Protein backbone atom coordinates (compact mmCIF):
# COMPACT_ATOMS: atom_id res chain seq x y z
CA UNK A 1 0.54 -29.79 62.47
CA UNK A 2 -1.19 -33.08 63.18
CA UNK A 3 -0.41 -35.42 60.31
CA UNK A 4 -2.74 -38.17 61.52
CA UNK A 5 -5.76 -36.74 59.68
CA UNK A 6 -3.79 -36.52 56.44
CA UNK A 7 -2.58 -40.12 56.81
CA UNK A 8 -6.13 -41.30 57.50
CA UNK A 9 -7.30 -39.51 54.35
CA UNK A 10 -4.48 -41.07 52.30
CA UNK A 11 -5.20 -44.57 53.62
CA UNK A 12 -8.96 -44.41 53.04
CA UNK A 13 -8.90 -45.07 49.29
CA UNK A 14 -7.06 -48.37 48.76
CA UNK A 15 -7.17 -48.00 44.96
CA UNK A 16 -5.18 -44.79 45.02
CA UNK A 17 -1.56 -44.35 46.10
CA UNK A 18 -0.29 -40.86 45.20
CA UNK A 19 -1.79 -37.55 46.38
CA UNK A 20 -0.78 -34.05 45.25
CA UNK A 21 0.30 -31.56 47.89
CA UNK A 22 -2.48 -29.10 46.96
CA UNK A 23 -5.15 -31.72 47.65
CA UNK A 24 -3.64 -32.69 51.00
CA UNK A 25 -3.27 -29.05 52.06
CA UNK A 26 -6.86 -28.37 51.09
CA UNK A 27 -8.08 -31.40 53.03
CA UNK A 28 -6.05 -30.31 56.07
CA UNK A 29 -7.21 -26.70 55.66
CA UNK A 30 -3.60 -25.61 56.10
CA UNK A 31 -0.86 -23.76 54.29
CA UNK A 32 0.75 -26.01 51.64
CA UNK A 33 4.25 -25.16 52.89
CA UNK A 34 3.39 -26.28 56.43
CA UNK A 35 1.78 -29.46 55.11
CA UNK A 36 4.85 -30.20 52.98
CA UNK A 37 7.16 -29.71 55.98
CA UNK A 38 5.04 -32.08 58.07
CA UNK A 39 4.89 -34.69 55.30
CA UNK A 40 8.63 -34.53 54.68
CA UNK A 41 9.32 -34.94 58.41
CA UNK A 42 7.01 -37.91 58.81
CA UNK A 43 8.52 -41.40 58.69
CA UNK A 44 5.09 -42.67 57.55
CA UNK A 45 5.10 -40.74 54.25
CA UNK A 46 7.13 -41.01 51.05
CA UNK A 47 7.56 -38.35 48.37
CA UNK A 48 7.79 -39.08 44.69
CA UNK A 49 10.66 -37.70 42.65
CA UNK A 50 8.07 -37.12 39.93
CA UNK A 51 5.52 -34.33 39.87
CA UNK A 52 1.83 -34.41 39.05
CA UNK A 53 0.64 -33.22 35.64
CA UNK A 54 -0.01 -29.86 37.28
CA UNK A 55 3.57 -29.71 38.60
CA UNK A 56 2.64 -30.48 42.22
CA UNK A 57 4.64 -32.68 44.61
CA UNK A 58 3.18 -36.16 45.07
CA UNK A 59 3.03 -37.98 48.40
CA UNK A 60 1.95 -41.47 49.49
CA UNK A 61 1.70 -43.22 52.80
CA UNK A 62 4.41 -45.83 53.27
CA UNK A 63 1.65 -48.37 53.83
CA UNK A 64 0.09 -47.70 50.42
CA UNK A 65 3.46 -47.45 48.69
CA UNK A 66 4.69 -50.75 50.15
CA UNK A 67 1.50 -52.48 49.05
CA UNK A 68 1.54 -51.13 45.49
CA UNK A 69 5.17 -50.84 44.36
CA UNK A 70 7.48 -53.67 43.29
CA UNK A 71 10.28 -54.53 45.71
CA UNK A 72 13.00 -53.28 43.34
CA UNK A 73 11.40 -49.80 43.19
CA UNK A 74 11.28 -49.73 46.98
CA UNK A 75 14.99 -50.60 47.23
CA UNK A 76 15.99 -47.98 44.65
CA UNK A 77 13.81 -45.42 46.42
CA UNK A 78 15.53 -46.14 49.73
CA UNK A 79 18.93 -45.47 48.17
CA UNK A 80 17.72 -42.25 46.58
CA UNK A 81 15.80 -41.26 49.73
CA UNK A 82 12.98 -40.38 47.36
CA UNK A 83 10.42 -42.48 45.59
CA UNK A 84 9.84 -42.43 41.81
């Protein structure tokens, strides 16, 4: 799966950081499980430890996350290998 299109979609809206898996899979027109595997394998994407209100995994580009989150949250996230 080519993750470039998903990253471009995530980086388009500078006001928004987190995207649910269902939305990203729909945008990629791909199976959510395959999208999740690609996102988890990408060094350009971070996953939140929290879920959306609908119970879906949340993902952000590292670029957006770095721009929006305080430094302490970034450090804690690196230790946990997940982002809250």
